[in-house]
Amino acid sequence: MFEKEKLIAGELSAKLKDYFKARVDLFYLKLSDRLSRIISSILSVILITFFFLFFLLFISIALAKFLSGIFQSEVLGYMAVAILYFVFLLIIVYFKDTLIKEPLANRILDNINGGKEQGKN
């Protein structure tokens, strides 16, 4: 009489083990997906920043040379570019919370939480 219950309990135990193994596998798959998204985002930001800095360097030199021709003084051309960057720095420092902190924090949280395109799980 108890043979049927033992058989059912054994099947239930096996199914529970399979279920928990599947849940653990799913957890690791989601974790690896999120980690790969975060790492690829970081690498793309680094690469974009690298090329942007080179662009900024060469455009700054070109602008300084152009302004040097206008001002008839190389020092004044480079000084004008330096003043322009100083003004940009003041604007960024003044608006750092809305321009940098909040968007960056939101982007990091989106990447950690699986991104906007995945929706809620």
PDB file of N, CA and C in Angstrom:
ATOM      1  N   MET A   1       0.805  -1.195   0.000  1.00  0.00           N
ATOM      2  CA  MET A   1       0.000   0.000   0.000  1.00  0.00           C
ATOM      3  C   MET A   1       0.856   1.269   0.000  1.00  0.00           C
ATOM      4  N   PHE A   2       1.945   1.213   0.757  1.00  0.00           N
ATOM      5  CA  PHE A   2       2.808   2.378   0.786  1.00  0.00           C
ATOM      6  C   PHE A   2       3.735   2.464  -0.421  1.00  0.00           C
ATOM      7  N   GLU A   3       3.756   1.450  -1.224  1.00  0.00           N
ATOM      8  CA  GLU A   3       4.595   1.433  -2.419  1.00  0.00           C
ATOM      9  C   GLU A   3       4.192   2.535  -3.388  1.00  0.00           C
ATOM     10  N   LYS A   4       2.901   2.750  -3.531  1.00  0.00           N
ATOM     11  CA  LYS A   4       2.418   3.793  -4.449  1.00  0.00           C
ATOM     12  C   LYS A   4       2.838   5.169  -3.958  1.00  0.00           C
ATOM     13  N   GLU A   5       2.729   5.410  -2.647  1.00  0.00           N
ATOM     14  CA  GLU A   5       3.128   6.698  -2.074  1.00  0.00           C
ATOM     15  C   GLU A   5       4.639   6.910  -2.206  1.00  0.00           C
ATOM     16  N   LYS A   6       5.411   5.833  -2.000  1.00  0.00           N
ATOM     17  CA  LYS A   6       6.863   5.932  -2.150  1.00  0.00           C
ATOM     18  C   LYS A   6       7.234   6.257  -3.596  1.00  0.00           C
ATOM     19  N   LEU A   7       6.544   5.652  -4.531  1.00  0.00           N
ATOM     20  CA  LEU A   7       6.796   5.915  -5.945  1.00  0.00           C
ATOM     21  C   LEU A   7       6.460   7.367  -6.293  1.00  0.00           C
ATOM     22  N   ILE A   8       5.322   7.832  -5.796  1.00  0.00           N
ATOM     23  CA  ILE A   8       4.916   9.235  -6.046  1.00  0.00           C
ATOM     24  C   ILE A   8       5.910  10.196  -5.393  1.00  0.00           C
ATOM     25  N   ALA A   9       6.336   9.886  -4.154  1.00  0.00           N
ATOM     26  CA  ALA A   9       7.295  10.737  -3.454  1.00  0.00           C
ATOM     27  C   ALA A   9       8.638  10.749  -4.191  1.00  0.00           C
ATOM     28  N   GLY A  10       9.058   9.617  -4.708  1.00  0.00           N
ATOM     29  CA  GLY A  10      10.306   9.556  -5.471  1.00  0.00           C
ATOM     30  C   GLY A  10      10.231  10.368  -6.746  1.00  0.00           C
ATOM     31  N   GLU A  11       9.116  10.268  -7.444  1.00  0.00           N
ATOM     32  CA  GLU A  11       8.936  11.061  -8.668  1.00  0.00           C
ATOM     33  C   GLU A  11       8.902  12.547  -8.352  1.00  0.00           C
ATOM     34  N   LEU A  12       8.198  12.900  -7.262  1.00  0.00           N
ATOM     35  CA  LEU A  12       8.121  14.305  -6.856  1.00  0.00           C
ATOM     36  C   LEU A  12       9.503  14.825  -6.488  1.00  0.00           C
ATOM     37  N   SER A  13      10.275  14.033  -5.783  1.00  0.00           N
ATOM     38  CA  SER A  13      11.629  14.417  -5.401  1.00  0.00           C
ATOM     39  C   SER A  13      12.504  14.641  -6.639  1.00  0.00           C
ATOM     40  N   ALA A  14      12.398  13.736  -7.595  1.00  0.00           N
ATOM     41  CA  ALA A  14      13.183  13.879  -8.820  1.00  0.00           C
ATOM     42  C   ALA A  14      12.772  15.124  -9.591  1.00  0.00           C
ATOM     43  N   LYS A  15      11.478  15.378  -9.655  1.00  0.00           N
ATOM     44  CA  LYS A  15      11.008  16.569 -10.374  1.00  0.00           C
ATOM     45  C   LYS A  15      11.435  17.852  -9.667  1.00  0.00           C
ATOM     46  N   LEU A  16      11.416  17.848  -8.324  1.00  0.00           N
ATOM     47  CA  LEU A  16      11.871  19.021  -7.580  1.00  0.00           C
ATOM     48  C   LEU A  16      13.365  19.266  -7.818  1.00  0.00           C
ATOM     49  N   LYS A  17      14.149  18.195  -7.833  1.00  0.00           N
ATOM     50  CA  LYS A  17      15.584  18.347  -8.113  1.00  0.00           C
ATOM     51  C   LYS A  17      15.795  18.922  -9.510  1.00  0.00           C
ATOM     52  N   ASP A  18      15.068  18.419 -10.490  1.00  0.00           N
ATOM     53  CA  ASP A  18      15.173  18.942 -11.853  1.00  0.00           C
ATOM     54  C   ASP A  18      14.759  20.407 -11.912  1.00  0.00           C
ATOM     55  N   TYR A  19      13.675  20.735 -11.183  1.00  0.00           N
ATOM     56  CA  TYR A  19      13.187  22.121 -11.174  1.00  0.00           C
ATOM     57  C   TYR A  19      14.246  23.054 -10.593  1.00  0.00           C
ATOM     58  N   PHE A  20      14.812  22.701  -9.440  1.00  0.00           N
ATOM     59  CA  PHE A  20      15.808  23.564  -8.818  1.00  0.00           C
ATOM     60  C   PHE A  20      17.079  23.650  -9.655  1.00  0.00           C
ATOM     61  N   LYS A  21      17.454  22.565 -10.305  1.00  0.00           N
ATOM     62  CA  LYS A  21      18.608  22.607 -11.202  1.00  0.00           C
ATOM     63  C   LYS A  21      18.335  23.544 -12.371  1.00  0.00           C
ATOM     64  N   ALA A  22      17.122  23.490 -12.915  1.00  0.00           N
ATOM     65  CA  ALA A  22      16.757  24.386 -14.020  1.00  0.00           C
ATOM     66  C   ALA A  22      16.753  25.839 -13.557  1.00  0.00           C
ATOM     67  N   ARG A  23      16.280  26.092 -12.339  1.00  0.00           N
ATOM     68  CA  ARG A  23      16.268  27.466 -11.806  1.00  0.00           C
ATOM     69  C   ARG A  23      17.692  27.998 -11.620  1.00  0.00           C
ATOM     70  N   VAL A  24      18.587  27.138 -11.123  1.00  0.00           N
ATOM     71  CA  VAL A  24      19.982  27.544 -10.942  1.00  0.00           C
ATOM     72  C   VAL A  24      20.617  27.823 -12.304  1.00  0.00           C
ATOM     73  N   ASP A  25      20.362  26.961 -13.275  1.00  0.00           N
ATOM     74  CA  ASP A  25      20.889  27.177 -14.625  1.00  0.00           C
ATOM     75  C   ASP A  25      20.358  28.482 -15.212  1.00  0.00           C
ATOM     76  N   LEU A  26      19.077  28.752 -14.999  1.00  0.00           N
ATOM     77  CA  LEU A  26      18.486  29.998 -15.498  1.00  0.00           C
ATOM     78  C   LEU A  26      19.122  31.208 -14.827  1.00  0.00           C
ATOM     79  N   PHE A  27      19.365  31.104 -13.527  1.00  0.00           N
ATOM     80  CA  PHE A  27      20.010  32.196 -12.804  1.00  0.00           C
ATOM     81  C   PHE A  27      21.393  32.484 -13.400  1.00  0.00           C
ATOM     82  N   TYR A  28      22.184  31.439 -13.639  1.00  0.00           N
ATOM     83  CA  TYR A  28      23.520  31.631 -14.203  1.00  0.00           C
ATOM     84  C   TYR A  28      23.453  32.189 -15.625  1.00  0.00           C
ATOM     85  N   LEU A  29      22.481  31.775 -16.394  1.00  0.00           N
ATOM     86  CA  LEU A  29      22.344  32.325 -17.746  1.00  0.00           C
ATOM     87  C   LEU A  29      21.995  33.808 -17.702  1.00  0.00           C
ATOM     88  N   LYS A  30      21.068  34.178 -16.827  1.00  0.00           N
ATOM     89  CA  LYS A  30      20.707  35.595 -16.704  1.00  0.00           C
ATOM     90  C   LYS A  30      21.891  36.412 -16.195  1.00  0.00           C
ATOM     91  N   LEU A  31      22.625  35.847 -15.232  1.00  0.00           N
ATOM     92  CA  LEU A  31      23.786  36.541 -14.691  1.00  0.00           C
ATOM     93  C   LEU A  31      24.844  36.755 -15.769  1.00  0.00           C
ATOM     94  N   SER A  32      25.126  35.730 -16.548  1.00  0.00           N
ATOM     95  CA  SER A  32      26.134  35.878 -17.601  1.00  0.00           C
ATOM     96  C   SER A  32      25.673  36.855 -18.677  1.00  0.00           C
ATOM     97  N   ASP A  33      24.374  36.872 -18.984  1.00  0.00           N
ATOM     98  CA  ASP A  33      23.846  37.831 -19.949  1.00  0.00           C
ATOM     99  C   ASP A  33      24.026  39.257 -19.446  1.00  0.00           C
ATOM    100  N   ARG A  34      23.675  39.482 -18.194  1.00  0.00           N
ATOM    101  CA  ARG A  34      23.819  40.834 -17.632  1.00  0.00           C
ATOM    102  C   ARG A  34      25.279  41.252 -17.555  1.00  0.00           C
ATOM    103  N   LEU A  35      26.138  40.348 -17.128  1.00  0.00           N
ATOM    104  CA  LEU A  35      27.556  40.685 -17.058  1.00  0.00           C
ATOM    105  C   LEU A  35      28.127  40.996 -18.437  1.00  0.00           C
ATOM    106  N   SER A  36      27.740  40.224 -19.431  1.00  0.00           N
ATOM    107  CA  SER A  36      28.242  40.503 -20.779  1.00  0.00           C
ATOM    108  C   SER A  36      27.734  41.841 -21.293  1.00  0.00           C
ATOM    109  N   ARG A  37      26.490  42.186 -20.975  1.00  0.00           N
ATOM    110  CA  ARG A  37      25.966  43.502 -21.374  1.00  0.00           C
ATOM    111  C   ARG A  37      26.717  44.634 -20.682  1.00  0.00           C
ATOM    112  N   ILE A  38      26.990  44.470 -19.390  1.00  0.00           N
ATOM    113  CA  ILE A  38      27.704  45.507 -18.640  1.00  0.00           C
ATOM    114  C   ILE A  38      29.123  45.664 -19.167  1.00  0.00           C
ATOM    115  N   ILE A  39      29.812  44.562 -19.381  1.00  0.00           N
ATOM    116  CA  ILE A  39      31.191  44.628 -19.869  1.00  0.00           C
ATOM    117  C   ILE A  39      31.247  45.224 -21.269  1.00  0.00           C
ATOM    118  N   SER A  40      30.322  44.831 -22.133  1.00  0.00           N
ATOM    119  CA  SER A  40      30.325  45.401 -23.484  1.00  0.00           C
ATOM    120  C   SER A  40      29.992  46.886 -23.453  1.00  0.00           C
ATOM    121  N   SER A  41      29.114  47.296 -22.551  1.00  0.00           N
ATOM    122  CA  SER A  41      28.812  48.724 -22.421  1.00  0.00           C
ATOM    123  C   SER A  41      30.035  49.503 -21.953  1.00  0.00           C
ATOM    124  N   ILE A  42      30.727  48.958 -20.985  1.00  0.00           N
ATOM    125  CA  ILE A  42      31.930  49.633 -20.479  1.00  0.00           C
ATOM    126  C   ILE A  42      32.990  49.736 -21.575  1.00  0.00           C
ATOM    127  N   LEU A  43      33.210  48.650 -22.288  1.00  0.00           N
ATOM    128  CA  LEU A  43      34.211  48.677 -23.358  1.00  0.00           C
ATOM    129  C   LEU A  43      33.830  49.635 -24.483  1.00  0.00           C
ATOM    130  N   SER A  44      32.547  49.689 -24.822  1.00  0.00           N
ATOM    131  CA  SER A  44      32.135  50.622 -25.878  1.00  0.00           C
ATOM    132  C   SER A  44      32.293  52.064 -25.425  1.00  0.00           C
ATOM    133  N   VAL A  45      32.016  52.353 -24.151  1.00  0.00           N
ATOM    134  CA  VAL A  45      32.207  53.712 -23.645  1.00  0.00           C
ATOM    135  C   VAL A  45      33.692  54.076 -23.662  1.00  0.00           C
ATOM    136  N   ILE A  46      34.541  53.144 -23.283  1.00  0.00           N
ATOM    137  CA  ILE A  46      35.983  53.407 -23.305  1.00  0.00           C
ATOM    138  C   ILE A  46      36.459  53.676 -24.734  1.00  0.00           C
ATOM    139  N   LEU A  47      36.017  52.866 -25.678  1.00  0.00           N
ATOM    140  CA  LEU A  47      36.429  53.037 -27.073  1.00  0.00           C
ATOM    141  C   LEU A  47      35.920  54.363 -27.650  1.00  0.00           C
ATOM    142  N   ILE A  48      34.665  54.676 -27.395  1.00  0.00           N
ATOM    143  CA  ILE A  48      34.103  55.943 -27.877  1.00  0.00           C
ATOM    144  C   ILE A  48      34.833  57.118 -27.250  1.00  0.00           C
ATOM    145  N   THR A  49      35.119  57.035 -25.954  1.00  0.00           N
ATOM    146  CA  THR A  49      35.836  58.109 -25.266  1.00  0.00           C
ATOM    147  C   THR A  49      37.233  58.297 -25.856  1.00  0.00           C
ATOM    148  N   PHE A  50      37.909  57.197 -26.140  1.00  0.00           N
ATOM    149  CA  PHE A  50      39.249  57.257 -26.728  1.00  0.00           C
ATOM    150  C   PHE A  50      39.233  58.016 -28.053  1.00  0.00           C
ATOM    151  N   PHE A  51      38.320  57.638 -28.945  1.00  0.00           N
ATOM    152  CA  PHE A  51      38.272  58.307 -30.250  1.00  0.00           C
ATOM    153  C   PHE A  51      37.771  59.744 -30.127  1.00  0.00           C
ATOM    154  N   PHE A  52      36.867  60.000 -29.198  1.00  0.00           N
ATOM    155  CA  PHE A  52      36.393  61.359 -28.993  1.00  0.00           C
ATOM    156  C   PHE A  52      37.519  62.258 -28.495  1.00  0.00           C
ATOM    157  N   LEU A  53      38.354  61.740 -27.611  1.00  0.00           N
ATOM    158  CA  LEU A  53      39.467  62.549 -27.104  1.00  0.00           C
ATOM    159  C   LEU A  53      40.470  62.888 -28.206  1.00  0.00           C
ATOM    160  N   PHE A  54      40.732  61.933 -29.092  1.00  0.00           N
ATOM    161  CA  PHE A  54      41.600  62.250 -30.229  1.00  0.00           C
ATOM    162  C   PHE A  54      40.952  63.294 -31.136  1.00  0.00           C
ATOM    163  N   PHE A  55      39.675  63.154 -31.397  1.00  0.00           N
ATOM    164  CA  PHE A  55      38.954  64.143 -32.193  1.00  0.00           C
ATOM    165  C   PHE A  55      39.042  65.510 -31.540  1.00  0.00           C
ATOM    166  N   LEU A  56      38.800  65.544 -30.233  1.00  0.00           N
ATOM    167  CA  LEU A  56      38.831  66.802 -29.498  1.00  0.00           C
ATOM    168  C   LEU A  56      40.232  67.422 -29.525  1.00  0.00           C
ATOM    169  N   LEU A  57      41.243  66.605 -29.407  1.00  0.00           N
ATOM    170  CA  LEU A  57      42.613  67.105 -29.451  1.00  0.00           C
ATOM    171  C   LEU A  57      42.913  67.768 -30.789  1.00  0.00           C
ATOM    172  N   PHE A  58      42.596  67.080 -31.870  1.00  0.00           N
ATOM    173  CA  PHE A  58      42.936  67.622 -33.188  1.00  0.00           C
ATOM    174  C   PHE A  58      42.055  68.816 -33.567  1.00  0.00           C
ATOM    175  N   ILE A  59      40.799  68.789 -33.165  1.00  0.00           N
ATOM    176  CA  ILE A  59      39.935  69.934 -33.478  1.00  0.00           C
ATOM    177  C   ILE A  59      40.361  71.148 -32.643  1.00  0.00           C
ATOM    178  N   SER A  60      40.857  70.908 -31.431  1.00  0.00           N
ATOM    179  CA  SER A  60      41.341  72.010 -30.591  1.00  0.00           C
ATOM    180  C   SER A  60      42.593  72.639 -31.191  1.00  0.00           C
ATOM    181  N   ILE A  61      43.492  71.808 -31.673  1.00  0.00           N
ATOM    182  CA  ILE A  61      44.701  72.337 -32.308  1.00  0.00           C
ATOM    183  C   ILE A  61      44.335  73.121 -33.566  1.00  0.00           C
ATOM    184  N   ALA A  62      43.415  72.587 -34.354  1.00  0.00           N
ATOM    185  CA  ALA A  62      42.997  73.290 -35.570  1.00  0.00           C
ATOM    186  C   ALA A  62      42.331  74.621 -35.230  1.00  0.00           C
ATOM    187  N   LEU A  63      41.469  74.622 -34.208  1.00  0.00           N
ATOM    188  CA  LEU A  63      40.814  75.868 -33.804  1.00  0.00           C
ATOM    189  C   LEU A  63      41.830  76.877 -33.286  1.00  0.00           C
ATOM    190  N   ALA A  64      42.787  76.407 -32.504  1.00  0.00           N
ATOM    191  CA  ALA A  64      43.817  77.312 -31.981  1.00  0.00           C
ATOM    192  C   ALA A  64      44.642  77.895 -33.113  1.00  0.00           C
ATOM    193  N   LYS A  65      44.996  77.085 -34.094  1.00  0.00           N
ATOM    194  CA  LYS A  65      45.753  77.599 -35.243  1.00  0.00           C
ATOM    195  C   LYS A  65      44.921  78.608 -36.044  1.00  0.00           C
ATOM    196  N   PHE A  66      43.632  78.311 -36.224  1.00  0.00           N
ATOM    197  CA  PHE A  66      42.746  79.219 -36.937  1.00  0.00           C
ATOM    198  C   PHE A  66      42.638  80.558 -36.205  1.00  0.00           C
ATOM    199  N   LEU A  67      42.433  80.500 -34.883  1.00  0.00           N
ATOM    200  CA  LEU A  67      42.324  81.736 -34.097  1.00  0.00           C
ATOM    201  C   LEU A  67      43.660  82.477 -34.039  1.00  0.00           C
ATOM    202  N   SER A  68      44.757  81.733 -34.094  1.00  0.00           N
ATOM    203  CA  SER A  68      46.073  82.384 -34.129  1.00  0.00           C
ATOM    204  C   SER A  68      46.213  83.246 -35.371  1.00  0.00           C
ATOM    205  N   GLY A  69      45.686  82.761 -36.497  1.00  0.00           N
ATOM    206  CA  GLY A  69      45.713  83.551 -37.728  1.00  0.00           C
ATOM    207  C   GLY A  69      44.842  84.789 -37.615  1.00  0.00           C
ATOM    208  N   ILE A  70      43.696  84.655 -36.966  1.00  0.00           N
ATOM    209  CA  ILE A  70      42.808  85.814 -36.801  1.00  0.00           C
ATOM    210  C   ILE A  70      43.416  86.846 -35.859  1.00  0.00           C
ATOM    211  N   PHE A  71      43.956  86.389 -34.720  1.00  0.00           N
ATOM    212  CA  PHE A  71      44.510  87.309 -33.723  1.00  0.00           C
ATOM    213  C   PHE A  71      45.946  87.742 -34.035  1.00  0.00           C
ATOM    214  N   GLN A  72      46.547  87.147 -35.057  1.00  0.00           N
ATOM    215  CA  GLN A  72      47.936  87.443 -35.431  1.00  0.00           C
ATOM    216  C   GLN A  72      48.906  87.145 -34.274  1.00  0.00           C
ATOM    217  N   SER A  73      48.526  86.191 -33.415  1.00  0.00           N
ATOM    218  CA  SER A  73      49.387  85.790 -32.305  1.00  0.00           C
ATOM    219  C   SER A  73      49.034  84.354 -31.940  1.00  0.00           C
ATOM    220  N   GLU A  74      50.050  83.506 -31.962  1.00  0.00           N
ATOM    221  CA  GLU A  74      49.794  82.102 -31.654  1.00  0.00           C
ATOM    222  C   GLU A  74      49.385  81.923 -30.195  1.00  0.00           C
ATOM    223  N   VAL A  75      49.965  82.725 -29.317  1.00  0.00           N
ATOM    224  CA  VAL A  75      49.633  82.633 -27.895  1.00  0.00           C
ATOM    225  C   VAL A  75      48.160  82.961 -27.673  1.00  0.00           C
ATOM    226  N   LEU A  76      47.673  84.014 -28.326  1.00  0.00           N
ATOM    227  CA  LEU A  76      46.266  84.395 -28.148  1.00  0.00           C
ATOM    228  C   LEU A  76      45.317  83.340 -28.715  1.00  0.00           C
ATOM    229  N   GLY A  77      45.713  82.676 -29.781  1.00  0.00           N
ATOM    230  CA  GLY A  77      44.880  81.617 -30.344  1.00  0.00           C
ATOM    231  C   GLY A  77      44.721  80.461 -29.374  1.00  0.00           C
ATOM    232  N   TYR A  78      45.834  80.001 -28.811  1.00  0.00           N
ATOM    233  CA  TYR A  78      45.771  78.910 -27.845  1.00  0.00           C
ATOM    234  C   TYR A  78      45.104  79.350 -26.547  1.00  0.00           C
ATOM    235  N   MET A  79      45.307  80.596 -26.161  1.00  0.00           N
ATOM    236  CA  MET A  79      44.666  81.110 -24.952  1.00  0.00           C
ATOM    237  C   MET A  79      43.152  81.177 -25.130  1.00  0.00           C
ATOM    238  N   ALA A  80      42.690  81.545 -26.303  1.00  0.00           N
ATOM    239  CA  ALA A  80      41.252  81.595 -26.566  1.00  0.00           C
ATOM    240  C   ALA A  80      40.631  80.200 -26.457  1.00  0.00           C
ATOM    241  N   VAL A  81      41.315  79.195 -26.966  1.00  0.00           N
ATOM    242  CA  VAL A  81      40.817  77.822 -26.850  1.00  0.00           C
ATOM    243  C   VAL A  81      40.815  77.389 -25.381  1.00  0.00           C
ATOM    244  N   ALA A  82      41.846  77.762 -24.631  1.00  0.00           N
ATOM    245  CA  ALA A  82      41.902  77.421 -23.209  1.00  0.00           C
ATOM    246  C   ALA A  82      40.765  78.087 -22.439  1.00  0.00           C
ATOM    247  N   ILE A  83      40.476  79.327 -22.765  1.00  0.00           N
ATOM    248  CA  ILE A  83      39.359  80.027 -22.115  1.00  0.00           C
ATOM    249  C   ILE A  83      38.039  79.368 -22.467  1.00  0.00           C
ATOM    250  N   LEU A  84      37.888  78.943 -23.708  1.00  0.00           N
ATOM    251  CA  LEU A  84      36.683  78.237 -24.125  1.00  0.00           C
ATOM    252  C   LEU A  84      36.496  76.950 -23.317  1.00  0.00           C
ATOM    253  N   TYR A  85      37.579  76.194 -23.134  1.00  0.00           N
ATOM    254  CA  TYR A  85      37.493  74.974 -22.326  1.00  0.00           C
ATOM    255  C   TYR A  85      37.205  75.287 -20.860  1.00  0.00           C
ATOM    256  N   PHE A  86      37.737  76.387 -20.361  1.00  0.00           N
ATOM    257  CA  PHE A  86      37.462  76.781 -18.986  1.00  0.00           C
ATOM    258  C   PHE A  86      35.985  77.118 -18.796  1.00  0.00           C
ATOM    259  N   VAL A  87      35.399  77.789 -19.761  1.00  0.00           N
ATOM    260  CA  VAL A  87      33.966  78.095 -19.699  1.00  0.00           C
ATOM    261  C   VAL A  87      33.151  76.800 -19.733  1.00  0.00           C
ATOM    262  N   PHE A  88      33.538  75.850 -20.600  1.00  0.00           N
ATOM    263  CA  PHE A  88      32.864  74.549 -20.628  1.00  0.00           C
ATOM    264  C   PHE A  88      32.982  73.846 -19.276  1.00  0.00           C
ATOM    265  N   LEU A  89      34.164  73.926 -18.667  1.00  0.00           N
ATOM    266  CA  LEU A  89      34.375  73.322 -17.356  1.00  0.00           C
ATOM    267  C   LEU A  89      33.458  73.933 -16.303  1.00  0.00           C
ATOM    268  N   LEU A  90      33.336  75.247 -16.304  1.00  0.00           N
ATOM    269  CA  LEU A  90      32.447  75.906 -15.338  1.00  0.00           C
ATOM    270  C   LEU A  90      30.991  75.483 -15.533  1.00  0.00           C
ATOM    271  N   ILE A  91      30.563  75.373 -16.783  1.00  0.00           N
ATOM    272  CA  ILE A  91      29.189  74.939 -17.070  1.00  0.00           C
ATOM    273  C   ILE A  91      28.972  73.509 -16.592  1.00  0.00           C
ATOM    274  N   ILE A  92      29.925  72.643 -16.852  1.00  0.00           N
ATOM    275  CA  ILE A  92      29.794  71.246 -16.429  1.00  0.00           C
ATOM    276  C   ILE A  92      29.791  71.125 -14.914  1.00  0.00           C
ATOM    277  N   VAL A  93      30.653  71.871 -14.231  1.00  0.00           N
ATOM    278  CA  VAL A  93      30.686  71.819 -12.767  1.00  0.00           C
ATOM    279  C   VAL A  93      29.369  72.342 -12.197  1.00  0.00           C
ATOM    280  N   TYR A  94      28.827  73.386 -12.785  1.00  0.00           N
ATOM    281  CA  TYR A  94      27.580  73.961 -12.287  1.00  0.00           C
ATOM    282  C   TYR A  94      26.397  73.005 -12.482  1.00  0.00           C
ATOM    283  N   PHE A  95      26.351  72.331 -13.626  1.00  0.00           N
ATOM    284  CA  PHE A  95      25.230  71.442 -13.932  1.00  0.00           C
ATOM    285  C   PHE A  95      25.603  69.960 -13.810  1.00  0.00           C
ATOM    286  N   LYS A  96      26.596  69.621 -12.996  1.00  0.00           N
ATOM    287  CA  LYS A  96      27.105  68.247 -12.952  1.00  0.00           C
ATOM    288  C   LYS A  96      26.053  67.228 -12.515  1.00  0.00           C
ATOM    289  N   ASP A  97      25.148  67.607 -11.619  1.00  0.00           N
ATOM    290  CA  ASP A  97      24.132  66.640 -11.172  1.00  0.00           C
ATOM    291  C   ASP A  97      23.189  66.253 -12.300  1.00  0.00           C
ATOM    292  N   THR A  98      22.694  67.240 -13.035  1.00  0.00           N
ATOM    293  CA  THR A  98      21.731  66.937 -14.098  1.00  0.00           C
ATOM    294  C   THR A  98      22.396  66.452 -15.377  1.00  0.00           C
ATOM    295  N   LEU A  99      23.643  66.878 -15.631  1.00  0.00           N
ATOM    296  CA  LEU A  99      24.321  66.475 -16.869  1.00  0.00           C
ATOM    297  C   LEU A  99      25.088  65.162 -16.745  1.00  0.00           C
ATOM    298  N   ILE A 100      25.602  64.861 -15.548  1.00  0.00           N
ATOM    299  CA  ILE A 100      26.487  63.707 -15.422  1.00  0.00           C
ATOM    300  C   ILE A 100      25.968  62.680 -14.425  1.00  0.00           C
ATOM    301  N   LYS A 101      25.744  63.080 -13.188  1.00  0.00           N
ATOM    302  CA  LYS A 101      25.437  62.115 -12.132  1.00  0.00           C
ATOM    303  C   LYS A 101      24.152  61.334 -12.372  1.00  0.00           C
ATOM    304  N   GLU A 102      23.056  62.025 -12.600  1.00  0.00           N
ATOM    305  CA  GLU A 102      21.774  61.339 -12.763  1.00  0.00           C
ATOM    306  C   GLU A 102      21.725  60.456 -14.010  1.00  0.00           C
ATOM    307  N   PRO A 103      22.120  60.950 -15.194  1.00  0.00           N
ATOM    308  CA  PRO A 103      22.091  60.052 -16.367  1.00  0.00           C
ATOM    309  C   PRO A 103      23.041  58.863 -16.229  1.00  0.00           C
ATOM    310  N   LEU A 104      24.203  59.082 -15.645  1.00  0.00           N
ATOM    311  CA  LEU A 104      25.155  57.993 -15.474  1.00  0.00           C
ATOM    312  C   LEU A 104      24.632  56.955 -14.484  1.00  0.00           C
ATOM    313  N   ALA A 105      24.062  57.414 -13.380  1.00  0.00           N
ATOM    314  CA  ALA A 105      23.497  56.484 -12.397  1.00  0.00           C
ATOM    315  C   ALA A 105      22.337  55.701 -13.009  1.00  0.00           C
ATOM    316  N   ASN A 106      21.488  56.371 -13.783  1.00  0.00           N
ATOM    317  CA  ASN A 106      20.375  55.674 -14.430  1.00  0.00           C
ATOM    318  C   ASN A 106      20.863  54.650 -15.432  1.00  0.00           C
ATOM    319  N   ARG A 107      21.894  54.966 -16.170  1.00  0.00           N
ATOM    320  CA  ARG A 107      22.441  54.028 -17.165  1.00  0.00           C
ATOM    321  C   ARG A 107      23.039  52.800 -16.494  1.00  0.00           C
ATOM    322  N   ILE A 108      23.753  53.037 -15.387  1.00  0.00           N
ATOM    323  CA  ILE A 108      24.345  51.916 -14.645  1.00  0.00           C
ATOM    324  C   ILE A 108      23.252  51.025 -14.079  1.00  0.00           C
ATOM    325  N   LEU A 109      22.226  51.633 -13.496  1.00  0.00           N
ATOM    326  CA  LEU A 109      21.125  50.842 -12.940  1.00  0.00           C
ATOM    327  C   LEU A 109      20.373  50.084 -14.026  1.00  0.00           C
ATOM    328  N   ASP A 110      20.204  50.695 -15.187  1.00  0.00           N
ATOM    329  CA  ASP A 110      19.550  49.986 -16.300  1.00  0.00           C
ATOM    330  C   ASP A 110      20.359  48.769 -16.725  1.00  0.00           C
ATOM    331  N   ASN A 111      21.678  48.926 -16.785  1.00  0.00           N
ATOM    332  CA  ASN A 111      22.527  47.797 -17.164  1.00  0.00           C
ATOM    333  C   ASN A 111      22.497  46.699 -16.112  1.00  0.00           C
ATOM    334  N   ILE A 112      22.497  47.082 -14.852  1.00  0.00           N
ATOM    335  CA  ILE A 112      22.459  46.086 -13.781  1.00  0.00           C
ATOM    336  C   ILE A 112      21.122  45.362 -13.758  1.00  0.00           C
ATOM    337  N   ASN A 113      20.053  46.087 -13.999  1.00  0.00           N
ATOM    338  CA  ASN A 113      18.717  45.498 -13.944  1.00  0.00           C
ATOM    339  C   ASN A 113      18.305  44.806 -15.226  1.00  0.00           C
ATOM    340  N   GLY A 114      19.185  44.664 -16.167  1.00  0.00           N
ATOM    341  CA  GLY A 114      18.890  43.913 -17.377  1.00  0.00           C
ATOM    342  C   GLY A 114      18.557  44.748 -18.577  1.00  0.00           C
ATOM    343  N   GLY A 115      18.607  46.033 -18.481  1.00  0.00           N
ATOM    344  CA  GLY A 115      18.369  46.888 -19.643  1.00  0.00           C
ATOM    345  C   GLY A 115      16.909  47.179 -19.856  1.00  0.00           C
ATOM    346  N   LYS A 116      16.651  48.239 -20.598  1.00  0.00           N
ATOM    347  CA  LYS A 116      15.286  48.684 -20.868  1.00  0.00           C
ATOM    348  C   LYS A 116      14.567  47.737 -21.818  1.00  0.00           C
ATOM    349  N   GLU A 117      15.310  47.140 -22.760  1.00  0.00           N
ATOM    350  CA  GLU A 117      14.663  46.346 -23.795  1.00  0.00           C
ATOM    351  C   GLU A 117      14.145  45.018 -23.281  1.00  0.00           C
ATOM    352  N   GLN A 118      14.621  44.558 -22.115  1.00  0.00           N
ATOM    353  CA  GLN A 118      14.165  43.271 -21.604  1.00  0.00           C
ATOM    354  C   GLN A 118      12.868  43.375 -20.840  1.00  0.00           C
ATOM    355  N   GLY A 119      12.595  44.528 -20.283  1.00  0.00           N
ATOM    356  CA  GLY A 119      11.372  44.675 -19.502  1.00  0.00           C
ATOM    357  C   GLY A 119      11.547  44.032 -18.147  1.00  0.00           C
ATOM    358  N   LYS A 120      10.443  43.875 -17.439  1.00  0.00           N
ATOM    359  CA  LYS A 120      10.495  43.276 -16.111  1.00  0.00           C
ATOM    360  C   LYS A 120      10.327  41.773 -16.200  1.00  0.00           C
ATOM    361  N   ASN A 121      11.139  41.064 -15.426  1.00  0.00           N
ATOM    362  CA  ASN A 121      11.084  39.599 -15.412  1.00  0.00           C
ATOM    363  C   ASN A 121      10.345  39.114 -14.203  1.00  0.00           C
TER     364      ASN A 121
END
